[in-house]
């Protein structure tokens, strides 16, 4: 089985090719290594190979890894899973980014519990593009009101949108659904949202694209892609593939 450094190299090369094919600079696309269910040693291997951004879905597992890797001070931690109210304090305290806000209540708790010495928490709103009842995410129709509320919170910086659409094998179908997220971000920019100081939020981030649809996502403007399987190897049967 290929080593993590080899797989990471292959994903980075794939990202570069996809960006260049789309007429974009590879530097405009950040790679988040999705490390849920992986041991801290696997993250350390990826770190030694140059990876710095890691995405986690499960809070306690992430906290254990953060403790094990505390000497690697320049890791950027991204929380990408569903958020329960009783987990917001630890997320606000221990993460640099949160991609999965879909309720104002959760956003308010994160803002209230963010330590002042850490600066604003960088956040994305998760959008349910397919309307799947079983999936997290705000509906497109409810996105403007949530975005207004989150943009105004004092200890959050609204960076953009995230989505995990249902799998599609055809690249054109992948692009079509991801284009809806790109359009939604464009429409949010037109709303002229403001933060608590009256300044517009950056709205510069589209967190979309995983192992199976990385090329389609980059073609549609992704600025962050979240890749797990193609860096760390296949998960056991029954675990979702990123």
C-alpha atoms as a PDB file:
ATOM      1  CA  UNK A   1       0.000   0.000   0.000  1.00  0.00           C
ATOM      2  CA  UNK A   2       1.384   3.468  -0.883  1.00  0.00           C
ATOM      3  CA  UNK A   3       2.738   5.514   1.976  1.00  0.00           C
ATOM      4  CA  UNK A   4       0.977   8.648   3.163  1.00  0.00           C
ATOM      5  CA  UNK A   5       3.708  10.899   1.806  1.00  0.00           C
ATOM      6  CA  UNK A   6       3.349   9.319  -1.646  1.00  0.00           C
ATOM      7  CA  UNK A   7      -0.440   9.600  -1.595  1.00  0.00           C
ATOM      8  CA  UNK A   8      -0.252  13.195  -0.423  1.00  0.00           C
ATOM      9  CA  UNK A   9       2.168  13.961  -3.247  1.00  0.00           C
ATOM     10  CA  UNK A  10      -0.256  12.414  -5.751  1.00  0.00           C
ATOM     11  CA  UNK A  11      -3.210  14.420  -4.426  1.00  0.00           C
ATOM     12  CA  UNK A  12      -1.201  17.633  -4.499  1.00  0.00           C
ATOM     13  CA  UNK A  13      -0.199  16.928  -8.100  1.00  0.00           C
ATOM     14  CA  UNK A  14      -3.828  16.182  -8.970  1.00  0.00           C
ATOM     15  CA  UNK A  15      -4.921  19.458  -7.385  1.00  0.00           C
ATOM     16  CA  UNK A  16      -2.271  21.325  -9.356  1.00  0.00           C
ATOM     17  CA  UNK A  17      -3.371  19.758 -12.652  1.00  0.00           C
ATOM     18  CA  UNK A  18      -7.032  20.487 -11.963  1.00  0.00           C
ATOM     19  CA  UNK A  19      -6.313  24.111 -11.137  1.00  0.00           C
ATOM     20  CA  UNK A  20      -4.191  24.623 -14.219  1.00  0.00           C
ATOM     21  CA  UNK A  21      -6.831  22.959 -16.408  1.00  0.00           C
ATOM     22  CA  UNK A  22      -9.385  25.400 -14.966  1.00  0.00           C
ATOM     23  CA  UNK A  23      -7.076  28.334 -15.710  1.00  0.00           C
ATOM     24  CA  UNK A  24      -6.396  28.948 -12.027  1.00  0.00           C
ATOM     25  CA  UNK A  25      -3.263  29.169  -9.936  1.00  0.00           C
ATOM     26  CA  UNK A  26      -2.846  26.090  -7.698  1.00  0.00           C
ATOM     27  CA  UNK A  27      -2.100  28.499  -4.848  1.00  0.00           C
ATOM     28  CA  UNK A  28      -5.780  29.554  -4.889  1.00  0.00           C
ATOM     29  CA  UNK A  29      -6.862  26.082  -3.725  1.00  0.00           C
ATOM     30  CA  UNK A  30      -6.048  24.897  -0.191  1.00  0.00           C
ATOM     31  CA  UNK A  31      -5.940  21.205   0.677  1.00  0.00           C
ATOM     32  CA  UNK A  32      -7.549  20.074   3.928  1.00  0.00           C
ATOM     33  CA  UNK A  33      -6.533  16.522   4.852  1.00  0.00           C
ATOM     34  CA  UNK A  34      -9.603  14.859   6.352  1.00  0.00           C
ATOM     35  CA  UNK A  35      -8.145  12.829   9.175  1.00  0.00           C
ATOM     36  CA  UNK A  36     -11.194  11.509  11.043  1.00  0.00           C
ATOM     37  CA  UNK A  37     -10.743   7.948  12.348  1.00  0.00           C
ATOM     38  CA  UNK A  38      -7.007   8.172  11.629  1.00  0.00           C
ATOM     39  CA  UNK A  39      -4.467   7.898  14.443  1.00  0.00           C
ATOM     40  CA  UNK A  40      -2.285  10.832  15.420  1.00  0.00           C
ATOM     41  CA  UNK A  41       0.683   8.985  13.917  1.00  0.00           C
ATOM     42  CA  UNK A  42      -0.917   9.190  10.456  1.00  0.00           C
ATOM     43  CA  UNK A  43      -1.360  12.942  10.839  1.00  0.00           C
ATOM     44  CA  UNK A  44       2.266  13.216  11.919  1.00  0.00           C
ATOM     45  CA  UNK A  45       3.302  11.373   8.755  1.00  0.00           C
ATOM     46  CA  UNK A  46       1.289  13.810   6.630  1.00  0.00           C
ATOM     47  CA  UNK A  47       2.747  16.728   8.584  1.00  0.00           C
ATOM     48  CA  UNK A  48       6.297  15.554   7.891  1.00  0.00           C
ATOM     49  CA  UNK A  49       5.336  15.408   4.201  1.00  0.00           C
ATOM     50  CA  UNK A  50       4.320  19.078   4.320  1.00  0.00           C
ATOM     51  CA  UNK A  51       0.590  19.009   5.145  1.00  0.00           C
ATOM     52  CA  UNK A  52      -0.608  21.610   7.639  1.00  0.00           C
ATOM     53  CA  UNK A  53      -4.416  21.745   7.384  1.00  0.00           C
ATOM     54  CA  UNK A  54      -6.342  18.870   8.958  1.00  0.00           C
ATOM     55  CA  UNK A  55     -10.118  18.355   9.059  1.00  0.00           C
ATOM     56  CA  UNK A  56     -11.864  16.484  11.864  1.00  0.00           C
ATOM     57  CA  UNK A  57     -15.504  15.394  12.263  1.00  0.00           C
ATOM     58  CA  UNK A  58     -15.542  13.970  15.769  1.00  0.00           C
ATOM     59  CA  UNK A  59     -14.714  16.274  18.635  1.00  0.00           C
ATOM     60  CA  UNK A  60     -13.276  13.946  21.281  1.00  0.00           C
ATOM     61  CA  UNK A  61     -11.168  12.145  18.707  1.00  0.00           C
ATOM     62  CA  UNK A  62      -9.874  15.496  17.485  1.00  0.00           C
ATOM     63  CA  UNK A  63      -9.063  16.716  20.989  1.00  0.00           C
ATOM     64  CA  UNK A  64      -7.056  13.557  21.639  1.00  0.00           C
ATOM     65  CA  UNK A  65      -5.056  14.120  18.446  1.00  0.00           C
ATOM     66  CA  UNK A  66      -4.498  17.772  19.260  1.00  0.00           C
ATOM     67  CA  UNK A  67      -3.061  16.755  22.627  1.00  0.00           C
ATOM     68  CA  UNK A  68      -0.817  14.140  21.017  1.00  0.00           C
ATOM     69  CA  UNK A  69       0.428  16.594  18.395  1.00  0.00           C
ATOM     70  CA  UNK A  70       0.608  19.710  20.568  1.00  0.00           C
ATOM     71  CA  UNK A  71       4.290  20.236  19.739  1.00  0.00           C
ATOM     72  CA  UNK A  72       3.352  20.788  16.076  1.00  0.00           C
ATOM     73  CA  UNK A  73       2.211  24.325  16.720  1.00  0.00           C
ATOM     74  CA  UNK A  74       1.574  25.360  13.117  1.00  0.00           C
ATOM     75  CA  UNK A  75      -1.163  22.808  12.383  1.00  0.00           C
ATOM     76  CA  UNK A  76      -4.393  24.491  11.264  1.00  0.00           C
ATOM     77  CA  UNK A  77      -7.377  22.590  12.683  1.00  0.00           C
ATOM     78  CA  UNK A  78     -10.672  22.519  10.757  1.00  0.00           C
ATOM     79  CA  UNK A  79     -13.891  21.171  12.257  1.00  0.00           C
ATOM     80  CA  UNK A  80     -16.057  19.811   9.449  1.00  0.00           C
ATOM     81  CA  UNK A  81     -18.672  17.643  11.196  1.00  0.00           C
ATOM     82  CA  UNK A  82     -22.165  18.274  12.588  1.00  0.00           C
ATOM     83  CA  UNK A  83     -22.105  20.388  15.750  1.00  0.00           C
ATOM     84  CA  UNK A  84     -24.102  19.661  18.903  1.00  0.00           C
ATOM     85  CA  UNK A  85     -24.799  22.470  21.357  1.00  0.00           C
ATOM     86  CA  UNK A  86     -22.858  20.777  24.150  1.00  0.00           C
ATOM     87  CA  UNK A  87     -19.743  20.613  21.960  1.00  0.00           C
ATOM     88  CA  UNK A  88     -19.489  24.266  20.946  1.00  0.00           C
ATOM     89  CA  UNK A  89     -17.181  25.436  23.745  1.00  0.00           C
ATOM     90  CA  UNK A  90     -14.409  22.972  22.955  1.00  0.00           C
ATOM     91  CA  UNK A  91     -14.749  23.656  19.224  1.00  0.00           C
ATOM     92  CA  UNK A  92     -14.597  27.407  19.796  1.00  0.00           C
ATOM     93  CA  UNK A  93     -11.529  27.003  21.988  1.00  0.00           C
ATOM     94  CA  UNK A  94      -9.546  24.460  19.986  1.00  0.00           C
ATOM     95  CA  UNK A  95     -10.187  24.999  16.266  1.00  0.00           C
ATOM     96  CA  UNK A  96      -9.086  27.583  13.719  1.00  0.00           C
ATOM     97  CA  UNK A  97     -11.894  26.953  11.226  1.00  0.00           C
ATOM     98  CA  UNK A  98     -15.432  25.574  11.392  1.00  0.00           C
ATOM     99  CA  UNK A  99     -17.015  24.547   8.074  1.00  0.00           C
ATOM    100  CA  UNK A 100     -20.328  23.157   9.289  1.00  0.00           C
ATOM    101  CA  UNK A 101     -22.491  25.932  10.764  1.00  0.00           C
ATOM    102  CA  UNK A 102     -26.124  25.499   9.755  1.00  0.00           C
ATOM    103  CA  UNK A 103     -28.006  27.084  12.676  1.00  0.00           C
ATOM    104  CA  UNK A 104     -27.883  30.526  14.235  1.00  0.00           C
ATOM    105  CA  UNK A 105     -27.963  29.023  17.738  1.00  0.00           C
ATOM    106  CA  UNK A 106     -24.721  27.143  17.109  1.00  0.00           C
ATOM    107  CA  UNK A 107     -23.072  30.206  15.585  1.00  0.00           C
ATOM    108  CA  UNK A 108     -24.002  32.361  18.580  1.00  0.00           C
ATOM    109  CA  UNK A 109     -22.602  29.839  21.024  1.00  0.00           C
ATOM    110  CA  UNK A 110     -19.349  29.599  19.081  1.00  0.00           C
ATOM    111  CA  UNK A 111     -19.020  33.376  19.052  1.00  0.00           C
ATOM    112  CA  UNK A 112     -19.785  33.714  22.760  1.00  0.00           C
ATOM    113  CA  UNK A 113     -17.346  30.940  23.698  1.00  0.00           C
ATOM    114  CA  UNK A 114     -14.444  31.909  21.433  1.00  0.00           C
ATOM    115  CA  UNK A 115     -11.434  32.908  23.579  1.00  0.00           C
ATOM    116  CA  UNK A 116     -10.529  36.547  23.031  1.00  0.00           C
ATOM    117  CA  UNK A 117      -6.828  35.761  22.740  1.00  0.00           C
ATOM    118  CA  UNK A 118      -7.395  33.461  19.765  1.00  0.00           C
ATOM    119  CA  UNK A 119      -8.954  36.045  17.483  1.00  0.00           C
ATOM    120  CA  UNK A 120     -12.092  35.452  15.418  1.00  0.00           C
ATOM    121  CA  UNK A 121     -13.042  31.906  14.499  1.00  0.00           C
ATOM    122  CA  UNK A 122     -13.076  31.468  10.707  1.00  0.00           C
ATOM    123  CA  UNK A 123     -16.379  29.904   9.661  1.00  0.00           C
ATOM    124  CA  UNK A 124     -18.317  28.596   6.686  1.00  0.00           C
ATOM    125  CA  UNK A 125     -22.031  27.889   6.454  1.00  0.00           C
ATOM    126  CA  UNK A 126     -22.902  24.345   5.426  1.00  0.00           C
ATOM    127  CA  UNK A 127     -25.500  24.198   2.661  1.00  0.00           C
ATOM    128  CA  UNK A 128     -27.686  21.172   1.933  1.00  0.00           C
ATOM    129  CA  UNK A 129     -27.625  21.303  -1.866  1.00  0.00           C
ATOM    130  CA  UNK A 130     -29.699  18.164  -2.430  1.00  0.00           C
ATOM    131  CA  UNK A 131     -32.370  18.736   0.195  1.00  0.00           C
ATOM    132  CA  UNK A 132     -31.545  15.423   1.850  1.00  0.00           C
ATOM    133  CA  UNK A 133     -33.380  15.088   5.141  1.00  0.00           C
ATOM    134  CA  UNK A 134     -30.608  12.895   6.560  1.00  0.00           C
ATOM    135  CA  UNK A 135     -27.883  15.442   5.806  1.00  0.00           C
ATOM    136  CA  UNK A 136     -26.843  18.523   7.752  1.00  0.00           C
ATOM    137  CA  UNK A 137     -26.909  21.934   6.163  1.00  0.00           C
ATOM    138  CA  UNK A 138     -29.104  24.958   5.697  1.00  0.00           C
ATOM    139  CA  UNK A 139     -31.495  25.052   2.741  1.00  0.00           C
ATOM    140  CA  UNK A 140     -30.577  27.485  -0.007  1.00  0.00           C
ATOM    141  CA  UNK A 141     -33.740  29.462   0.643  1.00  0.00           C
ATOM    142  CA  UNK A 142     -32.797  29.983   4.293  1.00  0.00           C
ATOM    143  CA  UNK A 143     -29.174  30.847   3.593  1.00  0.00           C
ATOM    144  CA  UNK A 144     -29.454  34.683   3.357  1.00  0.00           C
ATOM    145  CA  UNK A 145     -31.025  35.096   6.792  1.00  0.00           C
ATOM    146  CA  UNK A 146     -28.494  32.776   8.429  1.00  0.00           C
ATOM    147  CA  UNK A 147     -25.626  34.536   6.691  1.00  0.00           C
ATOM    148  CA  UNK A 148     -26.812  37.950   7.923  1.00  0.00           C
ATOM    149  CA  UNK A 149     -26.990  36.672  11.500  1.00  0.00           C
ATOM    150  CA  UNK A 150     -23.594  34.964  11.432  1.00  0.00           C
ATOM    151  CA  UNK A 151     -21.822  37.848   9.701  1.00  0.00           C
ATOM    152  CA  UNK A 152     -22.848  40.166  12.548  1.00  0.00           C
ATOM    153  CA  UNK A 153     -21.447  37.997  15.355  1.00  0.00           C
ATOM    154  CA  UNK A 154     -18.403  39.635  16.962  1.00  0.00           C
ATOM    155  CA  UNK A 155     -16.070  36.660  17.379  1.00  0.00           C
ATOM    156  CA  UNK A 156     -16.696  34.906  14.072  1.00  0.00           C
ATOM    157  CA  UNK A 157     -15.470  35.785  10.580  1.00  0.00           C
ATOM    158  CA  UNK A 158     -17.819  34.519   7.888  1.00  0.00           C
ATOM    159  CA  UNK A 159     -15.551  33.208   5.131  1.00  0.00           C
ATOM    160  CA  UNK A 160     -17.963  31.413   2.834  1.00  0.00           C
ATOM    161  CA  UNK A 161     -19.895  28.219   2.161  1.00  0.00           C
ATOM    162  CA  UNK A 162     -19.382  24.466   2.452  1.00  0.00           C
ATOM    163  CA  UNK A 163     -21.305  21.543   0.985  1.00  0.00           C
ATOM    164  CA  UNK A 164     -21.201  17.747   0.872  1.00  0.00           C
ATOM    165  CA  UNK A 165     -23.475  16.886  -2.061  1.00  0.00           C
ATOM    166  CA  UNK A 166     -24.735  13.389  -2.743  1.00  0.00           C
ATOM    167  CA  UNK A 167     -22.247  11.353  -4.818  1.00  0.00           C
ATOM    168  CA  UNK A 168     -22.429  11.694  -8.574  1.00  0.00           C
ATOM    169  CA  UNK A 169     -20.247   9.682 -10.937  1.00  0.00           C
ATOM    170  CA  UNK A 170     -20.550  11.924 -13.988  1.00  0.00           C
ATOM    171  CA  UNK A 171     -18.260  14.969 -13.926  1.00  0.00           C
ATOM    172  CA  UNK A 172     -20.880  17.165 -15.579  1.00  0.00           C
ATOM    173  CA  UNK A 173     -23.404  16.202 -12.903  1.00  0.00           C
ATOM    174  CA  UNK A 174     -20.806  16.914 -10.211  1.00  0.00           C
ATOM    175  CA  UNK A 175     -20.126  20.332 -11.673  1.00  0.00           C
ATOM    176  CA  UNK A 176     -23.816  21.147 -11.986  1.00  0.00           C
ATOM    177  CA  UNK A 177     -24.555  20.674  -8.292  1.00  0.00           C
ATOM    178  CA  UNK A 178     -21.359  22.399  -7.144  1.00  0.00           C
ATOM    179  CA  UNK A 179     -22.139  25.340  -9.400  1.00  0.00           C
ATOM    180  CA  UNK A 180     -25.168  25.970  -7.193  1.00  0.00           C
ATOM    181  CA  UNK A 181     -22.870  26.577  -4.228  1.00  0.00           C
ATOM    182  CA  UNK A 182     -20.713  28.942  -6.269  1.00  0.00           C
ATOM    183  CA  UNK A 183     -23.810  30.844  -7.330  1.00  0.00           C
ATOM    184  CA  UNK A 184     -25.082  30.971  -3.745  1.00  0.00           C
ATOM    185  CA  UNK A 185     -21.824  32.581  -2.609  1.00  0.00           C
ATOM    186  CA  UNK A 186     -22.064  35.119  -5.424  1.00  0.00           C
ATOM    187  CA  UNK A 187     -25.601  35.987  -4.335  1.00  0.00           C
ATOM    188  CA  UNK A 188     -24.475  36.415  -0.713  1.00  0.00           C
ATOM    189  CA  UNK A 189     -21.832  38.893  -1.836  1.00  0.00           C
ATOM    190  CA  UNK A 190     -24.540  40.924  -3.559  1.00  0.00           C
ATOM    191  CA  UNK A 191     -26.468  41.216  -0.278  1.00  0.00           C
ATOM    192  CA  UNK A 192     -23.751  43.474   1.163  1.00  0.00           C
ATOM    193  CA  UNK A 193     -23.600  41.743   4.536  1.00  0.00           C
ATOM    194  CA  UNK A 194     -21.812  43.494   7.409  1.00  0.00           C
ATOM    195  CA  UNK A 195     -19.982  42.367  10.538  1.00  0.00           C
ATOM    196  CA  UNK A 196     -20.425  43.878  13.992  1.00  0.00           C
ATOM    197  CA  UNK A 197     -18.189  46.796  12.971  1.00  0.00           C
ATOM    198  CA  UNK A 198     -20.153  47.488   9.810  1.00  0.00           C
ATOM    199  CA  UNK A 199     -17.492  45.938   7.567  1.00  0.00           C
ATOM    200  CA  UNK A 200     -18.269  43.335   4.881  1.00  0.00           C
ATOM    201  CA  UNK A 201     -17.130  39.776   5.660  1.00  0.00           C
ATOM    202  CA  UNK A 202     -14.508  38.289   3.280  1.00  0.00           C
ATOM    203  CA  UNK A 203     -16.828  35.701   1.668  1.00  0.00           C
ATOM    204  CA  UNK A 204     -13.800  34.305  -0.130  1.00  0.00           C
ATOM    205  CA  UNK A 205     -14.154  30.573   0.562  1.00  0.00           C
ATOM    206  CA  UNK A 206     -15.877  27.696  -1.208  1.00  0.00           C
ATOM    207  CA  UNK A 207     -15.196  24.518   0.778  1.00  0.00           C
ATOM    208  CA  UNK A 208     -16.221  21.767  -1.635  1.00  0.00           C
ATOM    209  CA  UNK A 209     -14.691  18.812  -3.377  1.00  0.00           C
ATOM    210  CA  UNK A 210     -13.490  15.483  -1.983  1.00  0.00           C
ATOM    211  CA  UNK A 211     -11.571  12.500  -3.296  1.00  0.00           C
ATOM    212  CA  UNK A 212     -14.164  11.611  -5.937  1.00  0.00           C
ATOM    213  CA  UNK A 213     -15.042  15.087  -7.234  1.00  0.00           C
ATOM    214  CA  UNK A 214     -11.928  17.188  -6.655  1.00  0.00           C
ATOM    215  CA  UNK A 215     -11.554  18.157 -10.330  1.00  0.00           C
ATOM    216  CA  UNK A 216     -15.192  19.197 -10.690  1.00  0.00           C
ATOM    217  CA  UNK A 217     -15.008  21.288  -7.516  1.00  0.00           C
ATOM    218  CA  UNK A 218     -11.879  23.126  -8.594  1.00  0.00           C
ATOM    219  CA  UNK A 219     -13.405  23.784 -12.001  1.00  0.00           C
ATOM    220  CA  UNK A 220     -16.374  25.382 -10.214  1.00  0.00           C
ATOM    221  CA  UNK A 221     -14.231  27.623  -8.021  1.00  0.00           C
ATOM    222  CA  UNK A 222     -13.431  25.628  -4.870  1.00  0.00           C
ATOM    223  CA  UNK A 223     -10.888  27.386  -2.671  1.00  0.00           C
ATOM    224  CA  UNK A 224     -10.664  24.495  -0.196  1.00  0.00           C
ATOM    225  CA  UNK A 225     -10.929  20.811  -1.031  1.00  0.00           C
ATOM    226  CA  UNK A 226     -11.328  18.215   1.714  1.00  0.00           C
ATOM    227  CA  UNK A 227      -9.593  14.929   0.916  1.00  0.00           C
ATOM    228  CA  UNK A 228      -9.319  11.901   3.176  1.00  0.00           C
ATOM    229  CA  UNK A 229      -9.288   8.555   1.374  1.00  0.00           C
ATOM    230  CA  UNK A 230      -6.797   9.548  -1.301  1.00  0.00           C
ATOM    231  CA  UNK A 231      -4.337  10.717   1.356  1.00  0.00           C
ATOM    232  CA  UNK A 232      -4.809   8.204   4.164  1.00  0.00           C
ATOM    233  CA  UNK A 233      -6.195   5.210   2.266  1.00  0.00           C
ATOM    234  CA  UNK A 234      -9.611   3.580   2.171  1.00  0.00           C
ATOM    235  CA  UNK A 235     -11.637   3.396   5.353  1.00  0.00           C
ATOM    236  CA  UNK A 236     -13.327   0.264   6.591  1.00  0.00           C
ATOM    237  CA  UNK A 237     -16.628  -0.716   4.990  1.00  0.00           C
ATOM    238  CA  UNK A 238     -19.471   1.417   6.323  1.00  0.00           C
ATOM    239  CA  UNK A 239     -17.391   4.553   6.803  1.00  0.00           C
ATOM    240  CA  UNK A 240     -18.072   7.496   4.508  1.00  0.00           C
ATOM    241  CA  UNK A 241     -15.540   8.451   1.845  1.00  0.00           C
ATOM    242  CA  UNK A 242     -14.133  11.966   1.517  1.00  0.00           C
END
